[in-house]
């Protein structure tokens, strides 16, 4: 993902909706029965600011929604650049991390 997702400090909406696909085949990753987490941190920092557990909206199609309201402190940090990775834990306990990071720009609230 080349573009940055634009966010404002303190917001709890809208949800972040993603479709998870295999980079080799472009097919949807079936996340039915899986737990999908988004780990959010400032660029250049090693500390994860927030971990959001996604809501699988269509498992077979790889569709997941993350709700900022689940952790209102997630967007309470300093304005600047942030990144996130998505980690999938399947029902059989195997784990797959999406290789490409999501990029965010957080601006200060008025």
N, C-alpha and C. Protein backbone atom coordinates (compact mmCIF):
# COMPACT_ATOMS: atom_id res chain seq x y z
N UNK A 1 0.85 -1.17 0.00
CA UNK A 1 0.00 0.00 0.00
C UNK A 1 0.89 1.24 0.00
N UNK A 2 0.82 2.03 -1.02
CA UNK A 2 1.67 3.20 -1.16
C UNK A 2 1.06 4.42 -0.47
N UNK A 3 -0.25 4.54 -0.46
CA UNK A 3 -0.91 5.71 0.11
C UNK A 3 -1.00 5.60 1.62
N UNK A 4 -1.06 6.78 2.26
CA UNK A 4 -1.24 6.82 3.71
C UNK A 4 -2.71 7.01 4.02
N UNK A 5 -3.15 6.34 5.07
CA UNK A 5 -4.50 6.50 5.58
C UNK A 5 -4.46 7.70 6.51
N UNK A 6 -5.35 8.67 6.28
CA UNK A 6 -5.34 9.92 7.03
C UNK A 6 -6.27 9.82 8.23
N UNK A 7 -5.73 10.19 9.41
CA UNK A 7 -6.47 10.10 10.66
C UNK A 7 -6.33 11.40 11.44
N UNK A 8 -7.23 11.63 12.39
CA UNK A 8 -7.19 12.80 13.26
C UNK A 8 -7.14 12.32 14.71
N UNK A 9 -6.26 12.97 15.51
CA UNK A 9 -6.12 12.61 16.91
C UNK A 9 -7.48 12.54 17.60
N UNK A 10 -7.66 11.51 18.42
CA UNK A 10 -8.85 11.38 19.24
C UNK A 10 -10.08 10.83 18.54
N UNK A 11 -10.05 10.68 17.23
CA UNK A 11 -11.22 10.14 16.54
C UNK A 11 -11.41 8.65 16.88
N UNK A 12 -12.66 8.20 16.82
CA UNK A 12 -12.96 6.79 17.04
C UNK A 12 -13.74 6.19 15.87
N UNK A 13 -13.92 6.99 14.80
CA UNK A 13 -14.58 6.55 13.58
C UNK A 13 -13.84 7.14 12.41
N UNK A 14 -13.97 6.67 11.22
CA UNK A 14 -14.70 5.48 10.80
C UNK A 14 -13.85 4.23 11.05
N UNK A 15 -14.47 3.07 10.93
CA UNK A 15 -13.68 1.84 11.06
C UNK A 15 -12.72 1.72 9.89
N UNK A 16 -11.69 0.96 10.10
CA UNK A 16 -10.73 0.65 9.04
C UNK A 16 -11.14 -0.71 8.47
N UNK A 17 -11.58 -0.71 7.22
CA UNK A 17 -12.03 -1.94 6.56
C UNK A 17 -10.95 -2.42 5.60
N UNK A 18 -10.57 -3.69 5.73
CA UNK A 18 -9.53 -4.25 4.87
C UNK A 18 -10.00 -5.56 4.25
N UNK A 19 -9.43 -5.86 3.10
CA UNK A 19 -9.62 -7.16 2.46
C UNK A 19 -8.24 -7.79 2.35
N UNK A 20 -8.07 -8.93 2.98
CA UNK A 20 -6.77 -9.61 3.02
C UNK A 20 -6.66 -10.58 1.85
N UNK A 21 -5.60 -10.41 1.06
CA UNK A 21 -5.40 -11.26 -0.11
C UNK A 21 -3.99 -11.82 -0.12
N UNK A 22 -3.83 -12.94 -0.77
CA UNK A 22 -2.54 -13.59 -0.95
C UNK A 22 -1.75 -12.80 -2.00
N UNK A 23 -0.51 -12.42 -1.68
CA UNK A 23 0.28 -11.60 -2.62
C UNK A 23 0.69 -12.38 -3.87
N UNK A 24 0.72 -13.68 -3.79
CA UNK A 24 1.11 -14.49 -4.95
C UNK A 24 -0.05 -14.74 -5.89
N UNK A 25 -1.20 -15.11 -5.33
CA UNK A 25 -2.34 -15.50 -6.16
C UNK A 25 -3.40 -14.41 -6.30
N UNK A 26 -3.35 -13.41 -5.44
CA UNK A 26 -4.34 -12.34 -5.36
C UNK A 26 -5.71 -12.84 -4.88
N UNK A 27 -5.77 -14.10 -4.46
CA UNK A 27 -7.01 -14.65 -3.92
C UNK A 27 -7.19 -14.18 -2.47
N UNK A 28 -8.44 -14.06 -2.06
CA UNK A 28 -8.73 -13.69 -0.68
C UNK A 28 -8.20 -14.75 0.27
N UNK A 29 -7.69 -14.29 1.41
CA UNK A 29 -7.28 -15.21 2.48
C UNK A 29 -8.53 -15.49 3.31
N UNK A 30 -8.90 -16.75 3.41
CA UNK A 30 -10.09 -17.12 4.19
C UNK A 30 -9.77 -16.97 5.68
N UNK A 31 -10.36 -15.97 6.30
CA UNK A 31 -10.12 -15.70 7.72
C UNK A 31 -11.31 -16.14 8.59
N UNK A 32 -12.19 -16.95 8.03
CA UNK A 32 -13.30 -17.50 8.81
C UNK A 32 -12.75 -18.29 9.98
N UNK A 33 -13.19 -17.99 11.18
CA UNK A 33 -12.73 -18.68 12.38
C UNK A 33 -11.39 -18.19 12.89
N UNK A 34 -10.79 -17.22 12.23
CA UNK A 34 -9.48 -16.70 12.63
C UNK A 34 -9.64 -15.47 13.52
N UNK A 35 -8.58 -15.16 14.26
CA UNK A 35 -8.49 -13.91 15.00
C UNK A 35 -7.51 -13.03 14.24
N UNK A 36 -7.95 -11.83 13.91
CA UNK A 36 -7.13 -10.91 13.10
C UNK A 36 -6.83 -9.68 13.95
N UNK A 37 -5.53 -9.39 14.11
CA UNK A 37 -5.11 -8.26 14.94
C UNK A 37 -4.38 -7.22 14.10
N UNK A 38 -4.58 -5.96 14.45
CA UNK A 38 -3.85 -4.85 13.86
C UNK A 38 -2.98 -4.25 14.95
N UNK A 39 -1.66 -4.26 14.74
CA UNK A 39 -0.71 -3.71 15.70
C UNK A 39 -0.25 -2.35 15.17
N UNK A 40 -0.50 -1.29 15.96
CA UNK A 40 -0.34 0.10 15.54
C UNK A 40 0.77 0.76 16.35
N UNK A 41 1.70 1.44 15.64
CA UNK A 41 2.79 2.12 16.34
C UNK A 41 3.27 3.32 15.51
N UNK A 42 4.02 4.20 16.17
CA UNK A 42 4.63 5.33 15.49
C UNK A 42 5.79 4.82 14.64
N UNK A 43 6.00 5.42 13.47
CA UNK A 43 7.13 5.05 12.61
C UNK A 43 8.42 5.33 13.37
N UNK A 44 9.34 4.37 13.34
CA UNK A 44 10.62 4.52 14.02
C UNK A 44 10.60 4.09 15.47
N UNK A 45 9.43 3.76 15.99
CA UNK A 45 9.29 3.31 17.38
C UNK A 45 9.16 1.80 17.38
N UNK A 46 9.63 1.17 18.45
CA UNK A 46 9.50 -0.29 18.55
C UNK A 46 8.33 -0.69 19.46
N UNK A 47 7.74 0.29 20.13
CA UNK A 47 6.65 0.02 21.06
C UNK A 47 5.31 0.08 20.32
N UNK A 48 4.54 -1.00 20.45
CA UNK A 48 3.20 -1.03 19.86
C UNK A 48 2.29 -0.17 20.73
N UNK A 49 1.66 0.84 20.11
CA UNK A 49 0.77 1.77 20.83
C UNK A 49 -0.57 1.10 21.13
N UNK A 50 -1.06 0.30 20.20
CA UNK A 50 -2.38 -0.30 20.34
C UNK A 50 -2.44 -1.58 19.52
N UNK A 51 -3.19 -2.55 20.03
CA UNK A 51 -3.50 -3.76 19.27
C UNK A 51 -5.02 -3.87 19.22
N UNK A 52 -5.55 -3.79 18.00
CA UNK A 52 -6.99 -3.90 17.80
C UNK A 52 -7.32 -5.29 17.27
N UNK A 53 -8.31 -5.92 17.84
CA UNK A 53 -8.79 -7.21 17.33
C UNK A 53 -9.90 -6.91 16.34
N UNK A 54 -9.73 -7.39 15.13
CA UNK A 54 -10.68 -7.10 14.06
C UNK A 54 -11.95 -7.91 14.17
N UNK A 55 -12.96 -7.39 13.51
CA UNK A 55 -14.24 -8.09 13.39
C UNK A 55 -14.31 -8.65 11.97
N UNK A 56 -14.32 -9.97 11.85
CA UNK A 56 -14.38 -10.61 10.54
C UNK A 56 -15.79 -10.41 10.00
N UNK A 57 -15.89 -9.69 8.89
CA UNK A 57 -17.21 -9.38 8.32
C UNK A 57 -17.60 -10.34 7.20
N UNK A 58 -16.61 -10.90 6.52
CA UNK A 58 -16.85 -11.93 5.49
C UNK A 58 -15.58 -12.76 5.42
N UNK A 59 -15.55 -13.84 6.18
CA UNK A 59 -14.34 -14.66 6.31
C UNK A 59 -13.83 -15.19 5.00
N UNK A 60 -14.70 -15.76 4.18
CA UNK A 60 -14.28 -16.35 2.91
C UNK A 60 -13.70 -15.30 1.97
N UNK A 61 -14.18 -14.07 2.06
CA UNK A 61 -13.70 -12.98 1.19
C UNK A 61 -12.54 -12.22 1.81
N UNK A 62 -12.07 -12.63 3.00
CA UNK A 62 -10.93 -11.98 3.64
C UNK A 62 -11.23 -10.60 4.18
N UNK A 63 -12.48 -10.30 4.46
CA UNK A 63 -12.87 -8.95 4.87
C UNK A 63 -12.94 -8.82 6.39
N UNK A 64 -12.25 -7.78 6.88
CA UNK A 64 -12.13 -7.53 8.32
C UNK A 64 -12.29 -6.04 8.57
N UNK A 65 -12.95 -5.68 9.68
CA UNK A 65 -13.08 -4.29 10.10
C UNK A 65 -12.40 -4.11 11.45
N UNK A 66 -11.66 -3.02 11.57
CA UNK A 66 -11.03 -2.65 12.84
C UNK A 66 -11.68 -1.36 13.31
N UNK A 67 -12.04 -1.32 14.59
CA UNK A 67 -12.77 -0.18 15.14
C UNK A 67 -11.87 0.56 16.13
N UNK A 68 -11.56 1.82 15.80
CA UNK A 68 -10.72 2.65 16.67
C UNK A 68 -11.38 2.82 18.03
N UNK A 69 -12.69 2.77 18.10
CA UNK A 69 -13.41 2.93 19.37
C UNK A 69 -13.07 1.80 20.34
N UNK A 70 -12.59 0.66 19.85
CA UNK A 70 -12.20 -0.44 20.73
C UNK A 70 -11.01 -0.08 21.61
N UNK A 71 -10.22 0.91 21.18
CA UNK A 71 -9.12 1.44 21.98
C UNK A 71 -9.04 2.94 21.73
N UNK A 72 -9.82 3.74 22.47
CA UNK A 72 -9.85 5.18 22.25
C UNK A 72 -8.50 5.87 22.40
N UNK A 73 -7.53 5.22 23.05
CA UNK A 73 -6.21 5.83 23.20
C UNK A 73 -5.32 5.59 21.97
N UNK A 74 -5.77 4.75 21.05
CA UNK A 74 -4.94 4.41 19.88
C UNK A 74 -4.54 5.64 19.08
N UNK A 75 -5.45 6.58 18.92
CA UNK A 75 -5.17 7.79 18.13
C UNK A 75 -4.94 9.01 19.01
N UNK A 76 -4.47 8.78 20.22
CA UNK A 76 -4.23 9.87 21.16
C UNK A 76 -2.77 10.33 21.16
N UNK A 77 -1.94 9.73 20.32
CA UNK A 77 -0.52 10.06 20.31
C UNK A 77 -0.21 11.35 19.58
N UNK A 78 1.06 11.66 19.50
CA UNK A 78 1.53 12.85 18.80
C UNK A 78 1.19 12.77 17.32
N UNK A 79 0.98 13.93 16.72
CA UNK A 79 0.78 13.97 15.27
C UNK A 79 2.03 13.45 14.59
N UNK A 80 1.84 12.80 13.44
CA UNK A 80 3.00 12.28 12.70
C UNK A 80 2.66 11.03 11.93
N UNK A 81 3.71 10.30 11.58
CA UNK A 81 3.57 9.09 10.78
C UNK A 81 3.49 7.85 11.66
N UNK A 82 2.57 6.98 11.30
CA UNK A 82 2.35 5.73 12.03
C UNK A 82 2.30 4.58 11.03
N UNK A 83 2.43 3.37 11.55
CA UNK A 83 2.36 2.18 10.71
C UNK A 83 1.67 1.07 11.50
N UNK A 84 1.19 0.09 10.76
CA UNK A 84 0.54 -1.05 11.41
C UNK A 84 0.81 -2.31 10.61
N UNK A 85 0.83 -3.42 11.33
CA UNK A 85 0.88 -4.71 10.66
C UNK A 85 -0.35 -5.49 11.08
N UNK A 86 -0.74 -6.39 10.19
CA UNK A 86 -1.90 -7.24 10.45
C UNK A 86 -1.41 -8.67 10.63
N UNK A 87 -1.86 -9.28 11.72
CA UNK A 87 -1.47 -10.65 12.06
C UNK A 87 -2.74 -11.50 12.17
N UNK A 88 -2.71 -12.63 11.50
CA UNK A 88 -3.86 -13.55 11.48
C UNK A 88 -3.49 -14.81 12.26
N UNK A 89 -4.30 -15.16 13.26
CA UNK A 89 -4.14 -16.43 13.96
C UNK A 89 -5.33 -17.29 13.56
N UNK A 90 -5.04 -18.34 12.82
CA UNK A 90 -6.09 -19.22 12.31
C UNK A 90 -6.59 -20.16 13.40
N UNK A 91 -7.71 -20.79 13.16
CA UNK A 91 -8.34 -21.68 14.15
C UNK A 91 -7.41 -22.80 14.58
N UNK A 92 -6.50 -23.22 13.70
CA UNK A 92 -5.56 -24.31 14.06
C UNK A 92 -4.32 -23.77 14.78
N UNK A 93 -4.33 -22.50 15.18
CA UNK A 93 -3.28 -21.78 15.92
C UNK A 93 -2.07 -21.38 15.08
N UNK A 94 -2.08 -21.65 13.77
CA UNK A 94 -0.99 -21.17 12.93
C UNK A 94 -1.16 -19.66 12.74
N UNK A 95 -0.03 -18.97 12.50
CA UNK A 95 -0.03 -17.51 12.42
C UNK A 95 0.55 -17.08 11.08
N UNK A 96 -0.09 -16.10 10.48
CA UNK A 96 0.40 -15.48 9.25
C UNK A 96 0.36 -13.97 9.45
N UNK A 97 1.48 -13.30 9.21
CA UNK A 97 1.54 -11.85 9.29
C UNK A 97 1.58 -11.30 7.87
N UNK A 98 0.72 -10.31 7.61
CA UNK A 98 0.71 -9.66 6.31
C UNK A 98 2.04 -8.92 6.16
N UNK A 99 2.75 -9.17 5.08
CA UNK A 99 4.09 -8.62 4.92
C UNK A 99 4.10 -7.10 4.80
N UNK A 100 3.20 -6.56 3.99
CA UNK A 100 3.18 -5.13 3.73
C UNK A 100 2.54 -4.38 4.90
N UNK A 101 3.23 -3.32 5.36
CA UNK A 101 2.72 -2.50 6.45
C UNK A 101 1.69 -1.49 5.93
N UNK A 102 0.70 -1.21 6.76
CA UNK A 102 -0.23 -0.11 6.47
C UNK A 102 0.43 1.17 6.96
N UNK A 103 0.28 2.25 6.22
CA UNK A 103 0.88 3.55 6.56
C UNK A 103 -0.22 4.54 6.90
N UNK A 104 0.02 5.34 7.94
CA UNK A 104 -0.96 6.32 8.43
C UNK A 104 -0.29 7.67 8.64
N UNK A 105 -1.08 8.72 8.51
CA UNK A 105 -0.68 10.07 8.87
C UNK A 105 -1.70 10.57 9.88
N UNK A 106 -1.23 10.88 11.09
CA UNK A 106 -2.10 11.37 12.14
C UNK A 106 -1.88 12.87 12.30
N UNK A 107 -2.94 13.65 12.16
CA UNK A 107 -2.82 15.10 12.35
C UNK A 107 -3.43 15.50 13.66
N UNK A 108 -2.97 16.65 14.14
CA UNK A 108 -3.46 17.17 15.42
C UNK A 108 -4.91 17.62 15.28
N UNK A 109 -5.67 17.39 16.33
CA UNK A 109 -7.05 17.84 16.40
C UNK A 109 -7.08 19.33 16.72
N UNK A 110 -8.06 20.07 16.21
CA UNK A 110 -8.19 21.50 16.53
C UNK A 110 -8.45 21.69 18.01
